[in-house]
Amino acid sequence: MKKHAVLALFALPALALAADDAIVLSHESIRQRIALFEAKPSSQSTPGMSKYLWRGEPLWFIESPCCDHFNYLYNAQGQPVCAFSGGIAGAGDGACPAGITLFPSTAAATTP
């Protein structure tokens, strides 16, 4: 019985990582969401999605549908760049390029 309890404790972090990985959408799915976002007039917002410029390149921030999942930044090809926020601690995956800071009110990602 104790062996199963210990095994379950070690498996929990692996399950959490697998759940976050499952939220990364396919490149095609992201490209479709980007196209829909771009087709809307600038006066209409898309809940849970924002566009930013970083070093001259567009990035799209897409919030995950539920808690404790990563919120990814995607490039124009629909590939995840990094998880800027979200996850168990809320701080993302720590893989964003140095200096990326999102300012939703100005719709620009900046570097120092």
PDB file of N, CA and C in Angstrom:
ATOM      1  N   MET A   1       0.823  -1.194   0.000  1.00  0.00           N
ATOM      2  CA  MET A   1       0.000   0.000   0.000  1.00  0.00           C
ATOM      3  C   MET A   1       0.868   1.260   0.000  1.00  0.00           C
ATOM      4  N   LYS A   2       1.927   1.273   0.850  1.00  0.00           N
ATOM      5  CA  LYS A   2       2.799   2.442   0.926  1.00  0.00           C
ATOM      6  C   LYS A   2       3.542   2.658  -0.395  1.00  0.00           C
ATOM      7  N   LYS A   3       3.909   1.559  -1.064  1.00  0.00           N
ATOM      8  CA  LYS A   3       4.609   1.668  -2.343  1.00  0.00           C
ATOM      9  C   LYS A   3       3.739   2.381  -3.368  1.00  0.00           C
ATOM     10  N   HIS A   4       2.438   2.091  -3.374  1.00  0.00           N
ATOM     11  CA  HIS A   4       1.525   2.729  -4.323  1.00  0.00           C
ATOM     12  C   HIS A   4       1.375   4.212  -4.033  1.00  0.00           C
ATOM     13  N   ALA A   5       1.332   4.579  -2.756  1.00  0.00           N
ATOM     14  CA  ALA A   5       1.197   5.990  -2.378  1.00  0.00           C
ATOM     15  C   ALA A   5       2.431   6.774  -2.810  1.00  0.00           C
ATOM     16  N   VAL A   6       3.609   6.209  -2.598  1.00  0.00           N
ATOM     17  CA  VAL A   6       4.847   6.878  -2.993  1.00  0.00           C
ATOM     18  C   VAL A   6       4.918   7.000  -4.509  1.00  0.00           C
ATOM     19  N   LEU A   7       4.552   5.957  -5.216  1.00  0.00           N
ATOM     20  CA  LEU A   7       4.545   5.985  -6.669  1.00  0.00           C
ATOM     21  C   LEU A   7       3.592   7.065  -7.180  1.00  0.00           C
ATOM     22  N   ALA A   8       2.430   7.184  -6.567  1.00  0.00           N
ATOM     23  CA  ALA A   8       1.445   8.193  -6.972  1.00  0.00           C
ATOM     24  C   ALA A   8       2.006   9.595  -6.787  1.00  0.00           C
ATOM     25  N   LEU A   9       2.750   9.838  -5.711  1.00  0.00           N
ATOM     26  CA  LEU A   9       3.337  11.162  -5.477  1.00  0.00           C
ATOM     27  C   LEU A   9       4.352  11.508  -6.551  1.00  0.00           C
ATOM     28  N   PHE A  10       5.124  10.539  -7.008  1.00  0.00           N
ATOM     29  CA  PHE A  10       6.101  10.798  -8.058  1.00  0.00           C
ATOM     30  C   PHE A  10       5.438  10.968  -9.415  1.00  0.00           C
ATOM     31  N   ALA A  11       4.300  10.375  -9.617  1.00  0.00           N
ATOM     32  CA  ALA A  11       3.602  10.451 -10.901  1.00  0.00           C
ATOM     33  C   ALA A  11       2.870  11.770 -11.081  1.00  0.00           C
ATOM     34  N   LEU A  12       2.483  12.433  -9.998  1.00  0.00           N
ATOM     35  CA  LEU A  12       1.708  13.680 -10.114  1.00  0.00           C
ATOM     36  C   LEU A  12       2.407  14.750 -10.937  1.00  0.00           C
ATOM     37  N   PRO A  13       3.688  15.066 -10.690  1.00  0.00           N
ATOM     38  CA  PRO A  13       4.327  16.083 -11.539  1.00  0.00           C
ATOM     39  C   PRO A  13       4.355  15.688 -13.011  1.00  0.00           C
ATOM     40  N   ALA A  14       4.556  14.428 -13.298  1.00  0.00           N
ATOM     41  CA  ALA A  14       4.564  13.980 -14.694  1.00  0.00           C
ATOM     42  C   ALA A  14       3.202  14.174 -15.333  1.00  0.00           C
ATOM     43  N   LEU A  15       2.137  13.913 -14.586  1.00  0.00           N
ATOM     44  CA  LEU A  15       0.792  14.117 -15.115  1.00  0.00           C
ATOM     45  C   LEU A  15       0.530  15.591 -15.365  1.00  0.00           C
ATOM     46  N   ALA A  16       1.015  16.460 -14.473  1.00  0.00           N
ATOM     47  CA  ALA A  16       0.827  17.897 -14.659  1.00  0.00           C
ATOM     48  C   ALA A  16       1.542  18.363 -15.925  1.00  0.00           C
ATOM     49  N   LEU A  17       2.753  17.870 -16.160  1.00  0.00           N
ATOM     50  CA  LEU A  17       3.475  18.257 -17.367  1.00  0.00           C
ATOM     51  C   LEU A  17       2.751  17.758 -18.610  1.00  0.00           C
ATOM     52  N   ALA A  18       2.246  16.545 -18.559  1.00  0.00           N
ATOM     53  CA  ALA A  18       1.532  16.004 -19.710  1.00  0.00           C
ATOM     54  C   ALA A  18       0.281  16.819 -19.998  1.00  0.00           C
ATOM     55  N   ALA A  19      -0.413  17.266 -18.968  1.00  0.00           N
ATOM     56  CA  ALA A  19      -1.626  18.073 -19.166  1.00  0.00           C
ATOM     57  C   ALA A  19      -1.278  19.395 -19.827  1.00  0.00           C
ATOM     58  N   ASP A  20      -0.180  20.051 -19.395  1.00  0.00           N
ATOM     59  CA  ASP A  20       0.223  21.314 -20.013  1.00  0.00           C
ATOM     60  C   ASP A  20       0.638  21.105 -21.459  1.00  0.00           C
ATOM     61  N   ASP A  21       1.358  20.045 -21.745  1.00  0.00           N
ATOM     62  CA  ASP A  21       1.779  19.779 -23.108  1.00  0.00           C
ATOM     63  C   ASP A  21       0.579  19.565 -24.026  1.00  0.00           C
ATOM     64  N   ALA A  22      -0.488  18.984 -23.503  1.00  0.00           N
ATOM     65  CA  ALA A  22      -1.663  18.692 -24.311  1.00  0.00           C
ATOM     66  C   ALA A  22      -2.379  19.969 -24.759  1.00  0.00           C
ATOM     67  N   ILE A  23      -2.148  21.082 -24.062  1.00  0.00           N
ATOM     68  CA  ILE A  23      -2.824  22.332 -24.398  1.00  0.00           C
ATOM     69  C   ILE A  23      -2.175  22.998 -25.614  1.00  0.00           C
ATOM     70  N   VAL A  24      -0.933  22.663 -25.944  1.00  0.00           N
ATOM     71  CA  VAL A  24      -0.302  23.233 -27.125  1.00  0.00           C
ATOM     72  C   VAL A  24      -1.087  22.758 -28.342  1.00  0.00           C
ATOM     73  N   LEU A  25      -1.656  23.695 -29.070  1.00  0.00           N
ATOM     74  CA  LEU A  25      -2.505  23.368 -30.212  1.00  0.00           C
ATOM     75  C   LEU A  25      -1.665  23.086 -31.450  1.00  0.00           C
ATOM     76  N   SER A  26      -2.259  22.461 -32.428  1.00  0.00           N
ATOM     77  CA  SER A  26      -1.544  22.168 -33.666  1.00  0.00           C
ATOM     78  C   SER A  26      -1.209  23.473 -34.387  1.00  0.00           C
ATOM     79  N   HIS A  27      -0.154  23.446 -35.193  1.00  0.00           N
ATOM     80  CA  HIS A  27       0.252  24.641 -35.939  1.00  0.00           C
ATOM     81  C   HIS A  27      -0.889  25.137 -36.824  1.00  0.00           C
ATOM     82  N   GLU A  28      -1.586  24.211 -37.459  1.00  0.00           N
ATOM     83  CA  GLU A  28      -2.693  24.585 -38.348  1.00  0.00           C
ATOM     84  C   GLU A  28      -3.823  25.245 -37.566  1.00  0.00           C
ATOM     85  N   SER A  29      -4.129  24.707 -36.408  1.00  0.00           N
ATOM     86  CA  SER A  29      -5.182  25.277 -35.558  1.00  0.00           C
ATOM     87  C   SER A  29      -4.825  26.710 -35.147  1.00  0.00           C
ATOM     88  N   ILE A  30      -3.588  26.915 -34.791  1.00  0.00           N
ATOM     89  CA  ILE A  30      -3.135  28.259 -34.398  1.00  0.00           C
ATOM     90  C   ILE A  30      -3.180  29.188 -35.602  1.00  0.00           C
ATOM     91  N   ARG A  31      -2.716  28.732 -36.762  1.00  0.00           N
ATOM     92  CA  ARG A  31      -2.757  29.582 -37.961  1.00  0.00           C
ATOM     93  C   ARG A  31      -4.201  29.978 -38.292  1.00  0.00           C
ATOM     94  N   GLN A  32      -5.137  29.078 -38.099  1.00  0.00           N
ATOM     95  CA  GLN A  32      -6.550  29.401 -38.345  1.00  0.00           C
ATOM     96  C   GLN A  32      -7.042  30.455 -37.356  1.00  0.00           C
ATOM     97  N   ARG A  33      -6.670  30.313 -36.083  1.00  0.00           N
ATOM     98  CA  ARG A  33      -7.078  31.310 -35.080  1.00  0.00           C
ATOM     99  C   ARG A  33      -6.454  32.665 -35.388  1.00  0.00           C
ATOM    100  N   ILE A  34      -5.198  32.674 -35.832  1.00  0.00           N
ATOM    101  CA  ILE A  34      -4.533  33.932 -36.191  1.00  0.00           C
ATOM    102  C   ILE A  34      -5.265  34.581 -37.363  1.00  0.00           C
ATOM    103  N   ALA A  35      -5.619  33.798 -38.371  1.00  0.00           N
ATOM    104  CA  ALA A  35      -6.331  34.333 -39.542  1.00  0.00           C
ATOM    105  C   ALA A  35      -7.669  34.938 -39.136  1.00  0.00           C
ATOM    106  N   LEU A  36      -8.407  34.277 -38.264  1.00  0.00           N
ATOM    107  CA  LEU A  36      -9.675  34.824 -37.777  1.00  0.00           C
ATOM    108  C   LEU A  36      -9.450  36.114 -36.997  1.00  0.00           C
ATOM    109  N   PHE A  37      -8.412  36.131 -36.181  1.00  0.00           N
ATOM    110  CA  PHE A  37      -8.067  37.324 -35.395  1.00  0.00           C
ATOM    111  C   PHE A  37      -7.762  38.496 -36.326  1.00  0.00           C
ATOM    112  N   GLU A  38      -6.947  38.238 -37.348  1.00  0.00           N
ATOM    113  CA  GLU A  38      -6.538  39.281 -38.284  1.00  0.00           C
ATOM    114  C   GLU A  38      -7.700  39.768 -39.151  1.00  0.00           C
ATOM    115  N   ALA A  39      -8.692  38.931 -39.398  1.00  0.00           N
ATOM    116  CA  ALA A  39      -9.819  39.289 -40.254  1.00  0.00           C
ATOM    117  C   ALA A  39     -10.809  40.224 -39.558  1.00  0.00           C
ATOM    118  N   LYS A  40     -10.779  40.268 -38.230  1.00  0.00           N
ATOM    119  CA  LYS A  40     -11.714  41.126 -37.501  1.00  0.00           C
ATOM    120  C   LYS A  40     -11.259  42.587 -37.566  1.00  0.00           C
ATOM    121  N   PRO A  41     -12.214  43.507 -37.567  1.00  0.00           N
ATOM    122  CA  PRO A  41     -11.841  44.922 -37.474  1.00  0.00           C
ATOM    123  C   PRO A  41     -11.102  45.178 -36.161  1.00  0.00           C
ATOM    124  N   SER A  42     -10.210  46.144 -36.165  1.00  0.00           N
ATOM    125  CA  SER A  42      -9.402  46.413 -34.973  1.00  0.00           C
ATOM    126  C   SER A  42     -10.248  46.829 -33.771  1.00  0.00           C
ATOM    127  N   SER A  43     -11.473  47.264 -34.015  1.00  0.00           N
ATOM    128  CA  SER A  43     -12.339  47.671 -32.905  1.00  0.00           C
ATOM    129  C   SER A  43     -12.935  46.474 -32.166  1.00  0.00           C
ATOM    130  N   GLN A  44     -12.860  45.280 -32.772  1.00  0.00           N
ATOM    131  CA  GLN A  44     -13.383  44.067 -32.126  1.00  0.00           C
ATOM    132  C   GLN A  44     -12.230  43.292 -31.498  1.00  0.00           C
ATOM    133  N   SER A  45     -12.431  42.882 -30.271  1.00  0.00           N
ATOM    134  CA  SER A  45     -11.388  42.097 -29.620  1.00  0.00           C
ATOM    135  C   SER A  45     -11.770  40.618 -29.624  1.00  0.00           C
ATOM    136  N   THR A  46     -10.767  39.784 -29.501  1.00  0.00           N
ATOM    137  CA  THR A  46     -10.968  38.343 -29.401  1.00  0.00           C
ATOM    138  C   THR A  46     -10.625  37.953 -27.972  1.00  0.00           C
ATOM    139  N   PRO A  47     -11.615  37.513 -27.193  1.00  0.00           N
ATOM    140  CA  PRO A  47     -11.318  37.141 -25.808  1.00  0.00           C
ATOM    141  C   PRO A  47     -10.248  36.056 -25.738  1.00  0.00           C
ATOM    142  N   GLY A  48      -9.293  36.249 -24.841  1.00  0.00           N
ATOM    143  CA  GLY A  48      -8.255  35.251 -24.631  1.00  0.00           C
ATOM    144  C   GLY A  48      -7.152  35.237 -25.664  1.00  0.00           C
ATOM    145  N   MET A  49      -7.103  36.251 -26.536  1.00  0.00           N
ATOM    146  CA  MET A  49      -6.071  36.294 -27.581  1.00  0.00           C
ATOM    147  C   MET A  49      -5.637  37.730 -27.812  1.00  0.00           C
ATOM    148  N   SER A  50      -4.326  37.936 -27.865  1.00  0.00           N
ATOM    149  CA  SER A  50      -3.767  39.270 -28.104  1.00  0.00           C
ATOM    150  C   SER A  50      -2.597  39.169 -29.065  1.00  0.00           C
ATOM    151  N   LYS A  51      -2.388  40.227 -29.839  1.00  0.00           N
ATOM    152  CA  LYS A  51      -1.261  40.276 -30.767  1.00  0.00           C
ATOM    153  C   LYS A  51      -0.232  41.268 -30.247  1.00  0.00           C
ATOM    154  N   TYR A  52       1.039  40.910 -30.394  1.00  0.00           N
ATOM    155  CA  TYR A  52       2.147  41.749 -29.954  1.00  0.00           C
ATOM    156  C   TYR A  52       3.217  41.770 -31.033  1.00  0.00           C
ATOM    157  N   LEU A  53       4.044  42.768 -31.012  1.00  0.00           N
ATOM    158  CA  LEU A  53       5.238  42.804 -31.853  1.00  0.00           C
ATOM    159  C   LEU A  53       6.444  42.687 -30.941  1.00  0.00           C
ATOM    160  N   TRP A  54       7.361  41.820 -31.315  1.00  0.00           N
ATOM    161  CA  TRP A  54       8.599  41.663 -30.557  1.00  0.00           C
ATOM    162  C   TRP A  54       9.737  41.555 -31.553  1.00  0.00           C
ATOM    163  N   ARG A  55      10.650  42.536 -31.480  1.00  0.00           N
ATOM    164  CA  ARG A  55      11.777  42.603 -32.427  1.00  0.00           C
ATOM    165  C   ARG A  55      11.287  42.579 -33.866  1.00  0.00           C
ATOM    166  N   GLY A  56      10.166  43.258 -34.100  1.00  0.00           N
ATOM    167  CA  GLY A  56       9.613  43.370 -35.441  1.00  0.00           C
ATOM    168  C   GLY A  56       8.792  42.182 -35.909  1.00  0.00           C
ATOM    169  N   GLU A  57       8.701  41.150 -35.104  1.00  0.00           N
ATOM    170  CA  GLU A  57       7.954  39.949 -35.472  1.00  0.00           C
ATOM    171  C   GLU A  57       6.648  39.886 -34.690  1.00  0.00           C
ATOM    172  N   PRO A  58       5.545  39.508 -35.352  1.00  0.00           N
ATOM    173  CA  PRO A  58       4.289  39.376 -34.615  1.00  0.00           C
ATOM    174  C   PRO A  58       4.275  38.106 -33.768  1.00  0.00           C
ATOM    175  N   LEU A  59       3.718  38.233 -32.578  1.00  0.00           N
ATOM    176  CA  LEU A  59       3.487  37.097 -31.692  1.00  0.00           C
ATOM    177  C   LEU A  59       2.042  37.161 -31.238  1.00  0.00           C
ATOM    178  N   TRP A  60       1.430  36.016 -31.044  1.00  0.00           N
ATOM    179  CA  TRP A  60       0.064  35.964 -30.552  1.00  0.00           C
ATOM    180  C   TRP A  60       0.059  35.242 -29.217  1.00  0.00           C
ATOM    181  N   PHE A  61      -0.507  35.911 -28.229  1.00  0.00           N
ATOM    182  CA  PHE A  61      -0.654  35.354 -26.892  1.00  0.00           C
ATOM    183  C   PHE A  61      -2.044  34.733 -26.809  1.00  0.00           C
ATOM    184  N   ILE A  62      -2.099  33.440 -26.529  1.00  0.00           N
ATOM    185  CA  ILE A  62      -3.382  32.740 -26.457  1.00  0.00           C
ATOM    186  C   ILE A  62      -3.515  32.108 -25.078  1.00  0.00           C
ATOM    187  N   GLU A  63      -4.553  32.542 -24.364  1.00  0.00           N
ATOM    188  CA  GLU A  63      -4.803  32.010 -23.035  1.00  0.00           C
ATOM    189  C   GLU A  63      -5.364  30.599 -23.132  1.00  0.00           C
ATOM    190  N   SER A  64      -4.966  29.756 -22.209  1.00  0.00           N
ATOM    191  CA  SER A  64      -5.500  28.397 -22.139  1.00  0.00           C
ATOM    192  C   SER A  64      -6.919  28.439 -21.593  1.00  0.00           C
ATOM    193  N   PRO A  65      -7.703  27.429 -21.936  1.00  0.00           N
ATOM    194  CA  PRO A  65      -9.109  27.448 -21.536  1.00  0.00           C
ATOM    195  C   PRO A  65      -9.355  27.228 -20.047  1.00  0.00           C
ATOM    196  N   CYS A  66      -8.364  26.773 -19.315  1.00  0.00           N
ATOM    197  CA  CYS A  66      -8.608  26.498 -17.902  1.00  0.00           C
ATOM    198  C   CYS A  66      -7.358  26.744 -17.066  1.00  0.00           C
ATOM    199  N   CYS A  67      -7.560  26.619 -15.831  1.00  0.00           N
ATOM    200  CA  CYS A  67      -6.545  26.896 -14.816  1.00  0.00           C
ATOM    201  C   CYS A  67      -5.356  25.925 -14.861  1.00  0.00           C
ATOM    202  N   ASP A  68      -4.234  26.411 -14.369  1.00  0.00           N
ATOM    203  CA  ASP A  68      -3.001  25.634 -14.223  1.00  0.00           C
ATOM    204  C   ASP A  68      -2.408  25.124 -15.541  1.00  0.00           C
ATOM    205  N   HIS A  69      -2.862  25.642 -16.667  1.00  0.00           N
ATOM    206  CA  HIS A  69      -2.264  25.303 -17.949  1.00  0.00           C
ATOM    207  C   HIS A  69      -1.450  26.500 -18.422  1.00  0.00           C
ATOM    208  N   PHE A  70      -0.445  26.252 -19.209  1.00  0.00           N
ATOM    209  CA  PHE A  70       0.380  27.334 -19.736  1.00  0.00           C
ATOM    210  C   PHE A  70      -0.397  28.185 -20.742  1.00  0.00           C
ATOM    211  N   ASN A  71      -0.067  29.471 -20.778  1.00  0.00           N
ATOM    212  CA  ASN A  71      -0.588  30.414 -21.766  1.00  0.00           C
ATOM    213  C   ASN A  71       0.571  30.707 -22.719  1.00  0.00           C
ATOM    214  N   TYR A  72       0.446  30.252 -23.965  1.00  0.00           N
ATOM    215  CA  TYR A  72       1.562  30.289 -24.901  1.00  0.00           C
ATOM    216  C   TYR A  72       1.576  31.525 -25.781  1.00  0.00           C
ATOM    217  N   LEU A  73       2.789  31.902 -26.182  1.00  0.00           N
ATOM    218  CA  LEU A  73       3.023  32.871 -27.250  1.00  0.00           C
ATOM    219  C   LEU A  73       3.337  32.065 -28.494  1.00  0.00           C
ATOM    220  N   TYR A  74       2.679  32.395 -29.600  1.00  0.00           N
ATOM    221  CA  TYR A  74       2.894  31.683 -30.860  1.00  0.00           C
ATOM    222  C   TYR A  74       3.437  32.641 -31.905  1.00  0.00           C
ATOM    223  N   ASN A  75       4.270  32.127 -32.808  1.00  0.00           N
ATOM    224  CA  ASN A  75       4.774  32.939 -33.912  1.00  0.00           C
ATOM    225  C   ASN A  75       3.799  32.865 -35.088  1.00  0.00           C
ATOM    226  N   ALA A  76       4.128  33.537 -36.179  1.00  0.00           N
ATOM    227  CA  ALA A  76       3.238  33.600 -37.339  1.00  0.00           C
ATOM    228  C   ALA A  76       3.046  32.245 -38.014  1.00  0.00           C
ATOM    229  N   GLN A  77       3.953  31.304 -37.781  1.00  0.00           N
ATOM    230  CA  GLN A  77       3.819  29.960 -38.352  1.00  0.00           C
ATOM    231  C   GLN A  77       2.956  29.052 -37.475  1.00  0.00           C
ATOM    232  N   GLY A  78       2.489  29.583 -36.341  1.00  0.00           N
ATOM    233  CA  GLY A  78       1.665  28.798 -35.434  1.00  0.00           C
ATOM    234  C   GLY A  78       2.457  27.935 -34.482  1.00  0.00           C
ATOM    235  N   GLN A  79       3.757  28.171 -34.388  1.00  0.00           N
ATOM    236  CA  GLN A  79       4.609  27.384 -33.499  1.00  0.00           C
ATOM    237  C   GLN A  79       4.705  28.080 -32.144  1.00  0.00           C
ATOM    238  N   PRO A  80       4.640  27.315 -31.043  1.00  0.00           N
ATOM    239  CA  PRO A  80       4.788  27.939 -29.729  1.00  0.00           C
ATOM    240  C   PRO A  80       6.215  28.459 -29.540  1.00  0.00           C
ATOM    241  N   VAL A  81       6.326  29.702 -29.096  1.00  0.00           N
ATOM    242  CA  VAL A  81       7.627  30.295 -28.794  1.00  0.00           C
ATOM    243  C   VAL A  81       7.984  29.958 -27.355  1.00  0.00           C
ATOM    244  N   CYS A  82       7.027  30.148 -26.460  1.00  0.00           N
ATOM    245  CA  CYS A  82       7.207  29.847 -25.050  1.00  0.00           C
ATOM    246  C   CYS A  82       5.870  29.998 -24.344  1.00  0.00           C
ATOM    247  N   ALA A  83       5.828  29.553 -23.107  1.00  0.00           N
ATOM    248  CA  ALA A  83       4.643  29.778 -22.271  1.00  0.00           C
ATOM    249  C   ALA A  83       4.962  30.985 -21.399  1.00  0.00           C
ATOM    250  N   PHE A  84       4.367  32.120 -21.747  1.00  0.00           N
ATOM    251  CA  PHE A  84       4.685  33.354 -21.037  1.00  0.00           C
ATOM    252  C   PHE A  84       4.147  33.341 -19.607  1.00  0.00           C
ATOM    253  N   SER A  85       2.988  32.732 -19.414  1.00  0.00           N
ATOM    254  CA  SER A  85       2.395  32.693 -18.078  1.00  0.00           C
ATOM    255  C   SER A  85       1.629  31.398 -17.921  1.00  0.00           C
ATOM    256  N   GLY A  86       1.004  31.241 -16.771  1.00  0.00           N
ATOM    257  CA  GLY A  86       0.212  30.054 -16.499  1.00  0.00           C
ATOM    258  C   GLY A  86       1.056  28.944 -15.907  1.00  0.00           C
ATOM    259  N   GLY A  87       0.471  27.772 -15.811  1.00  0.00           N
ATOM    260  CA  GLY A  87       1.111  26.650 -15.143  1.00  0.00           C
ATOM    261  C   GLY A  87       0.773  26.678 -13.655  1.00  0.00           C
ATOM    262  N   ILE A  88       1.256  25.711 -12.933  1.00  0.00           N
ATOM    263  CA  ILE A  88       0.935  25.583 -11.509  1.00  0.00           C
ATOM    264  C   ILE A  88       1.324  26.846 -10.740  1.00  0.00           C
ATOM    265  N   ALA A  89       2.518  27.386 -10.994  1.00  0.00           N
ATOM    266  CA  ALA A  89       2.980  28.571 -10.266  1.00  0.00           C
ATOM    267  C   ALA A  89       2.537  29.877 -10.922  1.00  0.00           C
ATOM    268  N   GLY A  90       2.033  29.800 -12.153  1.00  0.00           N
ATOM    269  CA  GLY A  90       1.550  30.999 -12.835  1.00  0.00           C
ATOM    270  C   GLY A  90       2.619  31.783 -13.569  1.00  0.00           C
ATOM    271  N   ALA A  91       3.863  31.315 -13.535  1.00  0.00           N
ATOM    272  CA  ALA A  91       4.971  32.065 -14.121  1.00  0.00           C
ATOM    273  C   ALA A  91       5.411  31.549 -15.481  1.00  0.00           C
ATOM    274  N   GLY A  92       4.630  30.676 -16.118  1.00  0.00           N
ATOM    275  CA  GLY A  92       5.002  30.153 -17.425  1.00  0.00           C
ATOM    276  C   GLY A  92       6.032  29.053 -17.325  1.00  0.00           C
ATOM    277  N   ASP A  93       6.668  28.767 -18.478  1.00  0.00           N
ATOM    278  CA  ASP A  93       7.632  27.666 -18.513  1.00  0.00           C
ATOM    279  C   ASP A  93       9.081  28.120 -18.363  1.00  0.00           C
ATOM    280  N   GLY A  94       9.312  29.414 -18.273  1.00  0.00           N
ATOM    281  CA  GLY A  94      10.674  29.923 -18.112  1.00  0.00           C
ATOM    282  C   GLY A  94      11.494  29.876 -19.384  1.00  0.00           C
ATOM    283  N   ALA A  95      10.876  29.567 -20.519  1.00  0.00           N
ATOM    284  CA  ALA A  95      11.609  29.417 -21.779  1.00  0.00           C
ATOM    285  C   ALA A  95      11.477  30.624 -22.705  1.00  0.00           C
ATOM    286  N   CYS A  96      10.829  31.701 -22.259  1.00  0.00           N
ATOM    287  CA  CYS A  96      10.689  32.877 -23.121  1.00  0.00           C
ATOM    288  C   CYS A  96      12.048  33.545 -23.310  1.00  0.00           C
ATOM    289  N   PRO A  97      12.289  34.098 -24.493  1.00  0.00           N
ATOM    290  CA  PRO A  97      13.551  34.793 -24.726  1.00  0.00           C
ATOM    291  C   PRO A  97      13.761  35.901 -23.702  1.00  0.00           C
ATOM    292  N   ALA A  98      15.007  36.112 -23.331  1.00  0.00           N
ATOM    293  CA  ALA A  98      15.335  37.131 -22.333  1.00  0.00           C
ATOM    294  C   ALA A  98      14.780  38.484 -22.748  1.00  0.00           C
ATOM    295  N   GLY A  99      14.161  39.153 -21.809  1.00  0.00           N
ATOM    296  CA  GLY A  99      13.682  40.504 -22.041  1.00  0.00           C
ATOM    297  C   GLY A  99      12.268  40.617 -22.559  1.00  0.00           C
ATOM    298  N   ILE A 100      11.596  39.520 -22.841  1.00  0.00           N
ATOM    299  CA  ILE A 100      10.217  39.615 -23.329  1.00  0.00           C
ATOM    300  C   ILE A 100       9.320  40.078 -22.180  1.00  0.00           C
ATOM    301  N   THR A 101       8.613  41.168 -22.402  1.00  0.00           N
ATOM    302  CA  THR A 101       7.645  41.697 -21.454  1.00  0.00           C
ATOM    303  C   THR A 101       6.427  42.109 -22.250  1.00  0.00           C
ATOM    304  N   LEU A 102       5.272  41.622 -21.863  1.00  0.00           N
ATOM    305  CA  LEU A 102       4.058  41.950 -22.598  1.00  0.00           C
ATOM    306  C   LEU A 102       3.326  43.097 -21.917  1.00  0.00           C
ATOM    307  N   PHE A 103       2.901  44.046 -22.704  1.00  0.00           N
ATOM    308  CA  PHE A 103       2.105  45.158 -22.217  1.00  0.00           C
ATOM    309  C   PHE A 103       0.813  45.190 -23.011  1.00  0.00           C
ATOM    310  N   PRO A 104      -0.238  44.511 -22.524  1.00  0.00           N
ATOM    311  CA  PRO A 104      -1.491  44.444 -23.288  1.00  0.00           C
ATOM    312  C   PRO A 104      -2.077  45.799 -23.639  1.00  0.00           C
ATOM    313  N   SER A 105      -1.904  46.799 -22.782  1.00  0.00           N
ATOM    314  CA  SER A 105      -2.524  48.093 -23.061  1.00  0.00           C
ATOM    315  C   SER A 105      -1.896  48.770 -24.285  1.00  0.00           C
ATOM    316  N   THR A 106      -0.634  48.463 -24.602  1.00  0.00           N
ATOM    317  CA  THR A 106      -0.004  49.077 -25.759  1.00  0.00           C
ATOM    318  C   THR A 106       0.117  48.102 -26.916  1.00  0.00           C
ATOM    319  N   ALA A 107      -0.286  46.860 -26.697  1.00  0.00           N
ATOM    320  CA  ALA A 107      -0.227  45.803 -27.724  1.00  0.00           C
ATOM    321  C   ALA A 107       1.170  45.680 -28.321  1.00  0.00           C
ATOM    322  N   ALA A 108       2.186  45.722 -27.471  1.00  0.00           N
ATOM    323  CA  ALA A 108       3.556  45.565 -27.941  1.00  0.00           C
ATOM    324  C   ALA A 108       4.363  44.757 -26.932  1.00  0.00           C
ATOM    325  N   ALA A 109       5.176  43.877 -27.418  1.00  0.00           N
ATOM    326  CA  ALA A 109       6.130  43.180 -26.559  1.00  0.00           C
ATOM    327  C   ALA A 109       7.430  43.949 -26.717  1.00  0.00           C
ATOM    328  N   THR A 110       8.088  44.200 -25.622  1.00  0.00           N
ATOM    329  CA  THR A 110       9.291  45.013 -25.682  1.00  0.00           C
ATOM    330  C   THR A 110      10.479  44.268 -25.120  1.00  0.00           C
ATOM    331  N   THR A 111      11.652  44.740 -25.440  1.00  0.00           N
ATOM    332  CA  THR A 111      12.880  44.215 -24.872  1.00  0.00           C
ATOM    333  C   THR A 111      13.616  45.384 -24.233  1.00  0.00           C
ATOM    334  N   PRO A 112      14.423  45.096 -23.226  1.00  0.00           N
ATOM    335  CA  PRO A 112      15.175  46.203 -22.579  1.00  0.00           C
ATOM    336  C   PRO A 112      16.215  46.785 -23.502  1.00  0.00           C
TER     337      PRO A 112
END
